[in-house]
Amino acid sequence: MRIVYILLCIAGTALPLSQFVPWLSAHGLNVPLLLQLATSSHIAAFAWADVLISGITVALFVLAEGRKLAMRRLWLPLSCLMVGPSLALPLFLFLRERHLAAAGSNNSFKPTPPRGAA
């Protein structure tokens, strides 16, 4: 699955940026125009609302799952939310797979117990 996650990271970076970079070079970092265009129609607002909720969900998942598994460098997938959930989620899943594989070969891995557990 790690190969699939890496391929999704590449697609999740290339596809969104292939649309944003030309707009950015044409308009600069014009945030008011960006917000105007993002909410200019119901379908545009729908798409941006979906991305926003997905990004929040990915951030919460990265924090909860990463802490549960005692993963390091959670800042990396969280910072990738600047590109979008399409990069952040597959990157986190790749890092989690790698972490779990390393933990399987290392008997000292002990995930943190849930709160309230005895």
PDB file of N, CA and C in Angstrom:
ATOM      1  N   MET A   1       0.802  -1.199   0.000  1.00  0.00           N
ATOM      2  CA  MET A   1       0.000   0.000   0.000  1.00  0.00           C
ATOM      3  C   MET A   1       0.852   1.273   0.000  1.00  0.00           C
ATOM      4  N   ARG A   2       2.082   1.152   0.473  1.00  0.00           N
ATOM      5  CA  ARG A   2       2.915   2.358   0.542  1.00  0.00           C
ATOM      6  C   ARG A   2       3.138   2.985  -0.826  1.00  0.00           C
ATOM      7  N   ILE A   3       3.291   2.154  -1.836  1.00  0.00           N
ATOM      8  CA  ILE A   3       3.475   2.678  -3.196  1.00  0.00           C
ATOM      9  C   ILE A   3       2.213   3.438  -3.627  1.00  0.00           C
ATOM     10  N   VAL A   4       1.060   2.878  -3.330  1.00  0.00           N
ATOM     11  CA  VAL A   4      -0.210   3.532  -3.678  1.00  0.00           C
ATOM     12  C   VAL A   4      -0.308   4.881  -2.969  1.00  0.00           C
ATOM     13  N   TYR A   5       0.055   4.926  -1.697  1.00  0.00           N
ATOM     14  CA  TYR A   5      -0.007   6.190  -0.951  1.00  0.00           C
ATOM     15  C   TYR A   5       0.945   7.235  -1.542  1.00  0.00           C
ATOM     16  N   ILE A   6       2.126   6.820  -1.945  1.00  0.00           N
ATOM     17  CA  ILE A   6       3.076   7.756  -2.561  1.00  0.00           C
ATOM     18  C   ILE A   6       2.522   8.272  -3.888  1.00  0.00           C
ATOM     19  N   LEU A   7       1.937   7.383  -4.693  1.00  0.00           N
ATOM     20  CA  LEU A   7       1.336   7.817  -5.955  1.00  0.00           C
ATOM     21  C   LEU A   7       0.184   8.796  -5.708  1.00  0.00           C
ATOM     22  N   LEU A   8      -0.602   8.539  -4.667  1.00  0.00           N
ATOM     23  CA  LEU A   8      -1.682   9.464  -4.319  1.00  0.00           C
ATOM     24  C   LEU A   8      -1.136  10.799  -3.824  1.00  0.00           C
ATOM     25  N   CYS A   9      -0.006  10.783  -3.128  1.00  0.00           N
ATOM     26  CA  CYS A   9       0.642  12.037  -2.716  1.00  0.00           C
ATOM     27  C   CYS A   9       1.048  12.855  -3.939  1.00  0.00           C
ATOM     28  N   ILE A  10       1.600  12.185  -4.926  1.00  0.00           N
ATOM     29  CA  ILE A  10       2.020  12.880  -6.142  1.00  0.00           C
ATOM     30  C   ILE A  10       0.806  13.475  -6.858  1.00  0.00           C
ATOM     31  N   ALA A  11      -0.237  12.661  -7.026  1.00  0.00           N
ATOM     32  CA  ALA A  11      -1.455  13.155  -7.672  1.00  0.00           C
ATOM     33  C   ALA A  11      -2.113  14.248  -6.841  1.00  0.00           C
ATOM     34  N   GLY A  12      -2.124  14.062  -5.524  1.00  0.00           N
ATOM     35  CA  GLY A  12      -2.740  15.030  -4.629  1.00  0.00           C
ATOM     36  C   GLY A  12      -1.998  16.348  -4.548  1.00  0.00           C
ATOM     37  N   THR A  13      -0.755  16.357  -5.008  1.00  0.00           N
ATOM     38  CA  THR A  13       0.016  17.601  -5.103  1.00  0.00           C
ATOM     39  C   THR A  13      -0.111  18.194  -6.498  1.00  0.00           C
ATOM     40  N   ALA A  14       0.109  17.362  -7.500  1.00  0.00           N
ATOM     41  CA  ALA A  14       0.158  17.849  -8.882  1.00  0.00           C
ATOM     42  C   ALA A  14      -1.186  18.378  -9.377  1.00  0.00           C
ATOM     43  N   LEU A  15      -2.266  17.665  -9.111  1.00  0.00           N
ATOM     44  CA  LEU A  15      -3.557  18.087  -9.653  1.00  0.00           C
ATOM     45  C   LEU A  15      -4.052  19.413  -9.070  1.00  0.00           C
ATOM     46  N   PRO A  16      -4.084  19.574  -7.751  1.00  0.00           N
ATOM     47  CA  PRO A  16      -4.528  20.880  -7.240  1.00  0.00           C
ATOM     48  C   PRO A  16      -3.594  22.027  -7.645  1.00  0.00           C
ATOM     49  N   LEU A  17      -2.287  21.797  -7.563  1.00  0.00           N
ATOM     50  CA  LEU A  17      -1.353  22.875  -7.900  1.00  0.00           C
ATOM     51  C   LEU A  17      -1.352  23.206  -9.385  1.00  0.00           C
ATOM     52  N   SER A  18      -1.708  22.240 -10.240  1.00  0.00           N
ATOM     53  CA  SER A  18      -1.775  22.519 -11.676  1.00  0.00           C
ATOM     54  C   SER A  18      -2.891  23.522 -11.985  1.00  0.00           C
ATOM     55  N   GLN A  19      -3.842  23.645 -11.099  1.00  0.00           N
ATOM     56  CA  GLN A  19      -4.907  24.629 -11.270  1.00  0.00           C
ATOM     57  C   GLN A  19      -4.605  25.932 -10.537  1.00  0.00           C
ATOM     58  N   PHE A  20      -3.954  25.824  -9.400  1.00  0.00           N
ATOM     59  CA  PHE A  20      -3.721  27.010  -8.574  1.00  0.00           C
ATOM     60  C   PHE A  20      -2.541  27.848  -9.052  1.00  0.00           C
ATOM     61  N   VAL A  21      -1.465  27.228  -9.479  1.00  0.00           N
ATOM     62  CA  VAL A  21      -0.258  27.968  -9.869  1.00  0.00           C
ATOM     63  C   VAL A  21      -0.524  28.914 -11.053  1.00  0.00           C
ATOM     64  N   PRO A  22      -1.218  28.473 -12.116  1.00  0.00           N
ATOM     65  CA  PRO A  22      -1.515  29.432 -13.188  1.00  0.00           C
ATOM     66  C   PRO A  22      -2.384  30.607 -12.707  1.00  0.00           C
ATOM     67  N   TRP A  23      -3.353  30.325 -11.850  1.00  0.00           N
ATOM     68  CA  TRP A  23      -4.186  31.400 -11.312  1.00  0.00           C
ATOM     69  C   TRP A  23      -3.333  32.348 -10.473  1.00  0.00           C
ATOM     70  N   LEU A  24      -2.460  31.791  -9.661  1.00  0.00           N
ATOM     71  CA  LEU A  24      -1.582  32.600  -8.814  1.00  0.00           C
ATOM     72  C   LEU A  24      -0.645  33.464  -9.651  1.00  0.00           C
ATOM     73  N   SER A  25      -0.116  32.921 -10.731  1.00  0.00           N
ATOM     74  CA  SER A  25       0.777  33.720 -11.572  1.00  0.00           C
ATOM     75  C   SER A  25       0.023  34.812 -12.320  1.00  0.00           C
ATOM     76  N   ALA A  26      -1.262  34.590 -12.590  1.00  0.00           N
ATOM     77  CA  ALA A  26      -2.062  35.602 -13.286  1.00  0.00           C
ATOM     78  C   ALA A  26      -2.571  36.692 -12.348  1.00  0.00           C
ATOM     79  N   HIS A  27      -2.905  36.318 -11.105  1.00  0.00           N
ATOM     80  CA  HIS A  27      -3.565  37.257 -10.186  1.00  0.00           C
ATOM     81  C   HIS A  27      -2.749  37.596  -8.947  1.00  0.00           C
ATOM     82  N   GLY A  28      -1.659  36.894  -8.717  1.00  0.00           N
ATOM     83  CA  GLY A  28      -0.915  37.094  -7.478  1.00  0.00           C
ATOM     84  C   GLY A  28      -1.715  36.538  -6.311  1.00  0.00           C
ATOM     85  N   LEU A  29      -1.259  36.820  -5.124  1.00  0.00           N
ATOM     86  CA  LEU A  29      -1.956  36.326  -3.940  1.00  0.00           C
ATOM     87  C   LEU A  29      -3.076  37.304  -3.572  1.00  0.00           C
ATOM     88  N   ASN A  30      -4.091  37.334  -4.413  1.00  0.00           N
ATOM     89  CA  ASN A  30      -5.234  38.225  -4.254  1.00  0.00           C
ATOM     90  C   ASN A  30      -6.320  37.467  -3.488  1.00  0.00           C
ATOM     91  N   VAL A  31      -6.236  37.499  -2.163  1.00  0.00           N
ATOM     92  CA  VAL A  31      -7.154  36.723  -1.317  1.00  0.00           C
ATOM     93  C   VAL A  31      -8.607  37.150  -1.510  1.00  0.00           C
ATOM     94  N   PRO A  32      -8.920  38.447  -1.564  1.00  0.00           N
ATOM     95  CA  PRO A  32     -10.330  38.812  -1.796  1.00  0.00           C
ATOM     96  C   PRO A  32     -10.883  38.230  -3.108  1.00  0.00           C
ATOM     97  N   LEU A  33     -10.081  38.252  -4.179  1.00  0.00           N
ATOM     98  CA  LEU A  33     -10.541  37.672  -5.444  1.00  0.00           C
ATOM     99  C   LEU A  33     -10.701  36.158  -5.313  1.00  0.00           C
ATOM    100  N   LEU A  34      -9.763  35.516  -4.641  1.00  0.00           N
ATOM    101  CA  LEU A  34      -9.852  34.074  -4.423  1.00  0.00           C
ATOM    102  C   LEU A  34     -11.137  33.720  -3.690  1.00  0.00           C
ATOM    103  N   LEU A  35     -11.446  34.441  -2.626  1.00  0.00           N
ATOM    104  CA  LEU A  35     -12.675  34.174  -1.873  1.00  0.00           C
ATOM    105  C   LEU A  35     -13.918  34.477  -2.700  1.00  0.00           C
ATOM    106  N   GLN A  36     -13.865  35.533  -3.500  1.00  0.00           N
ATOM    107  CA  GLN A  36     -15.001  35.871  -4.365  1.00  0.00           C
ATOM    108  C   GLN A  36     -15.264  34.748  -5.369  1.00  0.00           C
ATOM    109  N   LEU A  37     -14.209  34.260  -5.996  1.00  0.00           N
ATOM    110  CA  LEU A  37     -14.370  33.177  -6.970  1.00  0.00           C
ATOM    111  C   LEU A  37     -14.777  31.864  -6.315  1.00  0.00           C
ATOM    112  N   ALA A  38     -14.273  31.621  -5.113  1.00  0.00           N
ATOM    113  CA  ALA A  38     -14.600  30.377  -4.410  1.00  0.00           C
ATOM    114  C   ALA A  38     -16.067  30.319  -4.004  1.00  0.00           C
ATOM    115  N   THR A  39     -16.675  31.476  -3.854  1.00  0.00           N
ATOM    116  CA  THR A  39     -18.088  31.520  -3.441  1.00  0.00           C
ATOM    117  C   THR A  39     -18.977  32.106  -4.533  1.00  0.00           C
ATOM    118  N   SER A  40     -18.476  32.159  -5.774  1.00  0.00           N
ATOM    119  CA  SER A  40     -19.214  32.799  -6.861  1.00  0.00           C
ATOM    120  C   SER A  40     -20.425  31.997  -7.336  1.00  0.00           C
ATOM    121  N   SER A  41     -20.450  30.728  -7.068  1.00  0.00           N
ATOM    122  CA  SER A  41     -21.609  29.902  -7.441  1.00  0.00           C
ATOM    123  C   SER A  41     -21.834  28.858  -6.348  1.00  0.00           C
ATOM    124  N   HIS A  42     -22.987  28.256  -6.397  1.00  0.00           N
ATOM    125  CA  HIS A  42     -23.286  27.222  -5.395  1.00  0.00           C
ATOM    126  C   HIS A  42     -22.350  26.028  -5.528  1.00  0.00           C
ATOM    127  N   ILE A  43     -21.990  25.673  -6.756  1.00  0.00           N
ATOM    128  CA  ILE A  43     -21.111  24.514  -6.944  1.00  0.00           C
ATOM    129  C   ILE A  43     -19.691  24.815  -6.465  1.00  0.00           C
ATOM    130  N   ALA A  44     -19.228  26.054  -6.661  1.00  0.00           N
ATOM    131  CA  ALA A  44     -17.897  26.427  -6.163  1.00  0.00           C
ATOM    132  C   ALA A  44     -17.897  26.428  -4.634  1.00  0.00           C
ATOM    133  N   ALA A  45     -18.942  26.994  -4.035  1.00  0.00           N
ATOM    134  CA  ALA A  45     -19.031  27.015  -2.569  1.00  0.00           C
ATOM    135  C   ALA A  45     -19.148  25.599  -2.016  1.00  0.00           C
ATOM    136  N   PHE A  46     -19.888  24.740  -2.718  1.00  0.00           N
ATOM    137  CA  PHE A  46     -20.009  23.337  -2.317  1.00  0.00           C
ATOM    138  C   PHE A  46     -18.639  22.658  -2.289  1.00  0.00           C
ATOM    139  N   ALA A  47     -17.865  22.866  -3.360  1.00  0.00           N
ATOM    140  CA  ALA A  47     -16.550  22.226  -3.453  1.00  0.00           C
ATOM    141  C   ALA A  47     -15.618  22.729  -2.358  1.00  0.00           C
ATOM    142  N   TRP A  48     -15.614  24.037  -2.108  1.00  0.00           N
ATOM    143  CA  TRP A  48     -14.739  24.581  -1.071  1.00  0.00           C
ATOM    144  C   TRP A  48     -15.179  24.170   0.328  1.00  0.00           C
ATOM    145  N   ALA A  49     -16.490  24.087   0.557  1.00  0.00           N
ATOM    146  CA  ALA A  49     -16.975  23.614   1.859  1.00  0.00           C
ATOM    147  C   ALA A  49     -16.544  22.163   2.084  1.00  0.00           C
ATOM    148  N   ASP A  50     -16.612  21.356   1.035  1.00  0.00           N
ATOM    149  CA  ASP A  50     -16.193  19.958   1.128  1.00  0.00           C
ATOM    150  C   ASP A  50     -14.707  19.861   1.460  1.00  0.00           C
ATOM    151  N   VAL A  51     -13.894  20.666   0.792  1.00  0.00           N
ATOM    152  CA  VAL A  51     -12.447  20.667   1.051  1.00  0.00           C
ATOM    153  C   VAL A  51     -12.156  21.132   2.479  1.00  0.00           C
ATOM    154  N   LEU A  52     -12.862  22.150   2.929  1.00  0.00           N
ATOM    155  CA  LEU A  52     -12.653  22.667   4.283  1.00  0.00           C
ATOM    156  C   LEU A  52     -12.985  21.613   5.343  1.00  0.00           C
ATOM    157  N   ILE A  53     -14.129  20.977   5.218  1.00  0.00           N
ATOM    158  CA  ILE A  53     -14.522  19.940   6.195  1.00  0.00           C
ATOM    159  C   ILE A  53     -13.580  18.743   6.111  1.00  0.00           C
ATOM    160  N   SER A  54     -13.180  18.375   4.891  1.00  0.00           N
ATOM    161  CA  SER A  54     -12.222  17.264   4.740  1.00  0.00           C
ATOM    162  C   SER A  54     -10.885  17.604   5.391  1.00  0.00           C
ATOM    163  N   GLY A  55     -10.434  18.835   5.234  1.00  0.00           N
ATOM    164  CA  GLY A  55      -9.170  19.251   5.843  1.00  0.00           C
ATOM    165  C   GLY A  55      -9.222  19.212   7.355  1.00  0.00           C
ATOM    166  N   ILE A  56     -10.320  19.674   7.929  1.00  0.00           N
ATOM    167  CA  ILE A  56     -10.480  19.624   9.388  1.00  0.00           C
ATOM    168  C   ILE A  56     -10.499  18.174   9.858  1.00  0.00           C
ATOM    169  N   THR A  57     -11.206  17.324   9.125  1.00  0.00           N
ATOM    170  CA  THR A  57     -11.285  15.897   9.482  1.00  0.00           C
ATOM    171  C   THR A  57      -9.909  15.238   9.407  1.00  0.00           C
ATOM    172  N   VAL A  58      -9.154  15.533   8.363  1.00  0.00           N
ATOM    173  CA  VAL A  58      -7.803  14.974   8.223  1.00  0.00           C
ATOM    174  C   VAL A  58      -6.918  15.443   9.372  1.00  0.00           C
ATOM    175  N   ALA A  59      -6.990  16.727   9.719  1.00  0.00           N
ATOM    176  CA  ALA A  59      -6.171  17.251  10.822  1.00  0.00           C
ATOM    177  C   ALA A  59      -6.491  16.531  12.123  1.00  0.00           C
ATOM    178  N   LEU A  60      -7.768  16.360  12.422  1.00  0.00           N
ATOM    179  CA  LEU A  60      -8.157  15.661  13.660  1.00  0.00           C
ATOM    180  C   LEU A  60      -7.718  14.197  13.635  1.00  0.00           C
ATOM    181  N   PHE A  61      -7.852  13.559  12.476  1.00  0.00           N
ATOM    182  CA  PHE A  61      -7.432  12.163  12.345  1.00  0.00           C
ATOM    183  C   PHE A  61      -5.927  12.019  12.535  1.00  0.00           C
ATOM    184  N   VAL A  62      -5.155  12.903  11.916  1.00  0.00           N
ATOM    185  CA  VAL A  62      -3.694  12.864  12.052  1.00  0.00           C
ATOM    186  C   VAL A  62      -3.301  13.022  13.510  1.00  0.00           C
ATOM    187  N   LEU A  63      -3.903  13.975  14.192  1.00  0.00           N
ATOM    188  CA  LEU A  63      -3.556  14.201  15.598  1.00  0.00           C
ATOM    189  C   LEU A  63      -3.963  13.019  16.481  1.00  0.00           C
ATOM    190  N   ALA A  64      -5.187  12.537  16.321  1.00  0.00           N
ATOM    191  CA  ALA A  64      -5.671  11.440  17.172  1.00  0.00           C
ATOM    192  C   ALA A  64      -4.914  10.137  16.901  1.00  0.00           C
ATOM    193  N   GLU A  65      -4.837   9.743  15.647  1.00  0.00           N
ATOM    194  CA  GLU A  65      -4.180   8.478  15.298  1.00  0.00           C
ATOM    195  C   GLU A  65      -2.674   8.559  15.541  1.00  0.00           C
ATOM    196  N   GLY A  66      -2.083   9.699  15.199  1.00  0.00           N
ATOM    197  CA  GLY A  66      -0.647   9.870  15.406  1.00  0.00           C
ATOM    198  C   GLY A  66      -0.257   9.795  16.865  1.00  0.00           C
ATOM    199  N   ARG A  67      -1.043  10.427  17.720  1.00  0.00           N
ATOM    200  CA  ARG A  67      -0.757  10.360  19.165  1.00  0.00           C
ATOM    201  C   ARG A  67      -1.003   8.969  19.713  1.00  0.00           C
ATOM    202  N   LYS A  68      -2.070   8.322  19.236  1.00  0.00           N
ATOM    203  CA  LYS A  68      -2.372   6.967  19.703  1.00  0.00           C
ATOM    204  C   LYS A  68      -1.228   6.011  19.385  1.00  0.00           C
ATOM    205  N   LEU A  69      -0.624   6.182  18.213  1.00  0.00           N
ATOM    206  CA  LEU A  69       0.471   5.307  17.802  1.00  0.00           C
ATOM    207  C   LEU A  69       1.845   5.846  18.195  1.00  0.00           C
ATOM    208  N   ALA A  70       1.873   6.984  18.889  1.00  0.00           N
ATOM    209  CA  ALA A  70       3.126   7.626  19.309  1.00  0.00           C
ATOM    210  C   ALA A  70       4.031   7.918  18.111  1.00  0.00           C
ATOM    211  N   MET A  71       3.436   8.424  17.056  1.00  0.00           N
ATOM    212  CA  MET A  71       4.200   8.767  15.856  1.00  0.00           C
ATOM    213  C   MET A  71       4.895  10.104  16.047  1.00  0.00           C
ATOM    214  N   ARG A  72       6.017  10.253  15.376  1.00  0.00           N
ATOM    215  CA  ARG A  72       6.767  11.503  15.407  1.00  0.00           C
ATOM    216  C   ARG A  72       6.507  12.268  14.122  1.00  0.00           C
ATOM    217  N   ARG A  73       6.869  13.528  14.131  1.00  0.00           N
ATOM    218  CA  ARG A  73       6.790  14.401  12.953  1.00  0.00           C
ATOM    219  C   ARG A  73       5.376  14.541  12.392  1.00  0.00           C
ATOM    220  N   LEU A  74       4.389  14.664  13.270  1.00  0.00           N
ATOM    221  CA  LEU A  74       3.021  14.870  12.803  1.00  0.00           C
ATOM    222  C   LEU A  74       2.850  16.221  12.120  1.00  0.00           C
ATOM    223  N   TRP A  75       3.796  17.122  12.349  1.00  0.00           N
ATOM    224  CA  TRP A  75       3.737  18.423  11.712  1.00  0.00           C
ATOM    225  C   TRP A  75       3.825  18.312  10.195  1.00  0.00           C
ATOM    226  N   LEU A  76       4.453  17.259   9.696  1.00  0.00           N
ATOM    227  CA  LEU A  76       4.648  17.135   8.257  1.00  0.00           C
ATOM    228  C   LEU A  76       3.316  16.974   7.508  1.00  0.00           C
ATOM    229  N   PRO A  77       2.489  15.966   7.840  1.00  0.00           N
ATOM    230  CA  PRO A  77       1.201  15.891   7.129  1.00  0.00           C
ATOM    231  C   PRO A  77       0.292  17.071   7.458  1.00  0.00           C
ATOM    232  N   LEU A  78       0.395  17.612   8.668  1.00  0.00           N
ATOM    233  CA  LEU A  78      -0.438  18.770   9.005  1.00  0.00           C
ATOM    234  C   LEU A  78      -0.060  19.983   8.157  1.00  0.00           C
ATOM    235  N   SER A  79       1.224  20.185   7.942  1.00  0.00           N
ATOM    236  CA  SER A  79       1.641  21.314   7.108  1.00  0.00           C
ATOM    237  C   SER A  79       1.255  21.105   5.645  1.00  0.00           C
ATOM    238  N   CYS A  80       1.118  19.866   5.227  1.00  0.00           N
ATOM    239  CA  CYS A  80       0.715  19.580   3.849  1.00  0.00           C
ATOM    240  C   CYS A  80      -0.747  19.924   3.587  1.00  0.00           C
ATOM    241  N   LEU A  81      -1.489  20.232   4.628  1.00  0.00           N
ATOM    242  CA  LEU A  81      -2.851  20.716   4.432  1.00  0.00           C
ATOM    243  C   LEU A  81      -2.863  22.047   3.698  1.00  0.00           C
ATOM    244  N   MET A  82      -1.719  22.730   3.638  1.00  0.00           N
ATOM    245  CA  MET A  82      -1.628  23.961   2.851  1.00  0.00           C
ATOM    246  C   MET A  82      -1.841  23.659   1.365  1.00  0.00           C
ATOM    247  N   VAL A  83      -1.430  22.490   0.912  1.00  0.00           N
ATOM    248  CA  VAL A  83      -1.737  22.054  -0.453  1.00  0.00           C
ATOM    249  C   VAL A  83      -3.163  21.539  -0.476  1.00  0.00           C
ATOM    250  N   GLY A  84      -3.507  20.718   0.504  1.00  0.00           N
ATOM    251  CA  GLY A  84      -4.868  20.208   0.602  1.00  0.00           C
ATOM    252  C   GLY A  84      -4.920  18.832   1.226  1.00  0.00           C
ATOM    253  N   PRO A  85      -6.127  18.409   1.581  1.00  0.00           N
ATOM    254  CA  PRO A  85      -6.301  17.062   2.134  1.00  0.00           C
ATOM    255  C   PRO A  85      -5.870  15.977   1.150  1.00  0.00           C
ATOM    256  N   SER A  86      -5.880  16.292  -0.138  1.00  0.00           N
ATOM    257  CA  SER A  86      -5.486  15.308  -1.150  1.00  0.00           C
ATOM    258  C   SER A  86      -4.007  14.950  -1.070  1.00  0.00           C
ATOM    259  N   LEU A  87      -3.212  15.768  -0.432  1.00  0.00           N
ATOM    260  CA  LEU A  87      -1.807  15.432  -0.155  1.00  0.00           C
ATOM    261  C   LEU A  87      -1.643  14.981   1.295  1.00  0.00           C
ATOM    262  N   ALA A  88      -2.258  15.677   2.222  1.00  0.00           N
ATOM    263  CA  ALA A  88      -2.039  15.412   3.643  1.00  0.00           C
ATOM    264  C   ALA A  88      -2.483  14.007   4.053  1.00  0.00           C
ATOM    265  N   LEU A  89      -3.641  13.563   3.585  1.00  0.00           N
ATOM    266  CA  LEU A  89      -4.132  12.248   4.001  1.00  0.00           C
ATOM    267  C   LEU A  89      -3.274  11.107   3.468  1.00  0.00           C
ATOM    268  N   PRO A  90      -2.986  11.019   2.161  1.00  0.00           N
ATOM    269  CA  PRO A  90      -2.137   9.903   1.738  1.00  0.00           C
ATOM    270  C   PRO A  90      -0.727   9.951   2.331  1.00  0.00           C
ATOM    271  N   LEU A  91      -0.210  11.167   2.572  1.00  0.00           N
ATOM    272  CA  LEU A  91       1.107  11.261   3.212  1.00  0.00           C
ATOM    273  C   LEU A  91       1.051  10.702   4.630  1.00  0.00           C
ATOM    274  N   PHE A  92       0.017  11.064   5.385  1.00  0.00           N
ATOM    275  CA  PHE A  92      -0.103  10.521   6.733  1.00  0.00           C
ATOM    276  C   PHE A  92      -0.263   9.004   6.703  1.00  0.00           C
ATOM    277  N   LEU A  93      -1.084   8.495   5.791  1.00  0.00           N
ATOM    278  CA  LEU A  93      -1.275   7.044   5.711  1.00  0.00           C
ATOM    279  C   LEU A  93       0.022   6.334   5.341  1.00  0.00           C
ATOM    280  N   PHE A  94       0.821   6.941   4.470  1.00  0.00           N
ATOM    281  CA  PHE A  94       2.145   6.387   4.150  1.00  0.00           C
ATOM    282  C   PHE A  94       3.026   6.362   5.398  1.00  0.00           C
ATOM    283  N   LEU A  95       3.072   7.483   6.113  1.00  0.00           N
ATOM    284  CA  LEU A  95       3.907   7.558   7.320  1.00  0.00           C
ATOM    285  C   LEU A  95       3.424   6.575   8.388  1.00  0.00           C
ATOM    286  N   ARG A  96       2.122   6.404   8.489  1.00  0.00           N
ATOM    287  CA  ARG A  96       1.570   5.454   9.463  1.00  0.00           C
ATOM    288  C   ARG A  96       1.952   4.029   9.097  1.00  0.00           C
ATOM    289  N   GLU A  97       1.845   3.668   7.810  1.00  0.00           N
ATOM    290  CA  GLU A  97       2.259   2.329   7.363  1.00  0.00           C
ATOM    291  C   GLU A  97       3.725   2.075   7.682  1.00  0.00           C
ATOM    292  N   ARG A  98       4.559   3.073   7.400  1.00  0.00           N
ATOM    293  CA  ARG A  98       5.998   2.945   7.677  1.00  0.00           C
ATOM    294  C   ARG A  98       6.249   2.805   9.170  1.00  0.00           C
ATOM    295  N   HIS A  99       5.532   3.594   9.974  1.00  0.00           N
ATOM    296  CA  HIS A  99       5.674   3.535  11.428  1.00  0.00           C
ATOM    297  C   HIS A  99       5.250   2.161  11.955  1.00  0.00           C
ATOM    298  N   LEU A 100       4.122   1.652  11.472  1.00  0.00           N
ATOM    299  CA  LEU A 100       3.642   0.346  11.937  1.00  0.00           C
ATOM    300  C   LEU A 100       4.573  -0.775  11.505  1.00  0.00           C
ATOM    301  N   ALA A 101       5.150  -0.665  10.309  1.00  0.00           N
ATOM    302  CA  ALA A 101       6.099  -1.686   9.859  1.00  0.00           C
ATOM    303  C   ALA A 101       7.346  -1.672  10.733  1.00  0.00           C
ATOM    304  N   ALA A 102       7.827  -0.482  11.066  1.00  0.00           N
ATOM    305  CA  ALA A 102       9.001  -0.380  11.941  1.00  0.00           C
ATOM    306  C   ALA A 102       8.666  -0.888  13.337  1.00  0.00           C
ATOM    307  N   ALA A 103       7.467  -0.617  13.796  1.00  0.00           N
ATOM    308  CA  ALA A 103       7.067  -1.061  15.130  1.00  0.00           C
ATOM    309  C   ALA A 103       6.930  -2.573  15.192  1.00  0.00           C
ATOM    310  N   GLY A 104       6.517  -3.179  14.083  1.00  0.00           N
ATOM    311  CA  GLY A 104       6.393  -4.634  14.039  1.00  0.00           C
ATOM    312  C   GLY A 104       7.727  -5.329  14.160  1.00  0.00           C
ATOM    313  N   SER A 105       8.774  -4.682  13.646  1.00  0.00           N
ATOM    314  CA  SER A 105      10.109  -5.285  13.741  1.00  0.00           C
ATOM    315  C   SER A 105      10.831  -4.859  15.012  1.00  0.00           C
ATOM    316  N   ASN A 106      10.186  -4.007  15.798  1.00  0.00           N
ATOM    317  CA  ASN A 106      10.781  -3.510  17.040  1.00  0.00           C
ATOM    318  C   ASN A 106       9.811  -3.813  18.178  1.00  0.00           C
ATOM    319  N   ASN A 107      10.163  -4.740  19.018  1.00  0.00           N
ATOM    320  CA  ASN A 107       9.256  -5.162  20.091  1.00  0.00           C
ATOM    321  C   ASN A 107       9.061  -4.110  21.167  1.00  0.00           C
ATOM    322  N   SER A 108       9.848  -3.047  21.146  1.00  0.00           N
ATOM    323  CA  SER A 108       9.722  -2.037  22.185  1.00  0.00           C
ATOM    324  C   SER A 108       8.599  -1.040  21.895  1.00  0.00           C
ATOM    325  N   PHE A 109       7.907  -1.181  20.761  1.00  0.00           N
ATOM    326  CA  PHE A 109       6.820  -0.267  20.418  1.00  0.00           C
ATOM    327  C   PHE A 109       5.646  -0.477  21.353  1.00  0.00           C
ATOM    328  N   LYS A 110       5.226   0.587  21.997  1.00  0.00           N
ATOM    329  CA  LYS A 110       4.078   0.528  22.903  1.00  0.00           C
ATOM    330  C   LYS A 110       3.225   1.774  22.648  1.00  0.00           C
ATOM    331  N   PRO A 111       2.060   1.606  21.955  1.00  0.00           N
ATOM    332  CA  PRO A 111       1.219   2.773  21.749  1.00  0.00           C
ATOM    333  C   PRO A 111       0.702   3.293  23.074  1.00  0.00           C
ATOM    334  N   THR A 112       0.438   4.585  23.128  1.00  0.00           N
ATOM    335  CA  THR A 112      -0.063   5.168  24.358  1.00  0.00           C
ATOM    336  C   THR A 112      -1.492   4.672  24.594  1.00  0.00           C
ATOM    337  N   PRO A 113      -1.793   4.264  25.841  1.00  0.00           N
ATOM    338  CA  PRO A 113      -3.143   3.763  26.119  1.00  0.00           C
ATOM    339  C   PRO A 113      -4.148   4.905  26.076  1.00  0.00           C
ATOM    340  N   PRO A 114      -5.411   4.594  25.745  1.00  0.00           N
ATOM    341  CA  PRO A 114      -6.442   5.631  25.743  1.00  0.00           C
ATOM    342  C   PRO A 114      -6.650   6.178  27.144  1.00  0.00           C
ATOM    343  N   ARG A 115      -7.097   7.424  27.209  1.00  0.00           N
ATOM    344  CA  ARG A 115      -7.342   8.046  28.519  1.00  0.00           C
ATOM    345  C   ARG A 115      -8.418   7.279  29.272  1.00  0.00           C
ATOM    346  N   GLY A 116      -8.227   7.135  30.520  1.00  0.00           N
ATOM    347  CA  GLY A 116      -9.183   6.429  31.364  1.00  0.00           C
ATOM    348  C   GLY A 116      -8.956   4.944  31.418  1.00  0.00           C
ATOM    349  N   ALA A 117      -8.031   4.429  30.601  1.00  0.00           N
ATOM    350  CA  ALA A 117      -7.751   2.996  30.630  1.00  0.00           C
ATOM    351  C   ALA A 117      -6.856   2.675  31.826  1.00  0.00           C
ATOM    352  N   ALA A 118      -7.100   1.570  32.425  1.00  0.00           N
ATOM    353  CA  ALA A 118      -6.325   1.189  33.601  1.00  0.00           C
ATOM    354  C   ALA A 118      -5.071   0.475  33.247  1.00  0.00           C
TER     355      ALA A 118
END
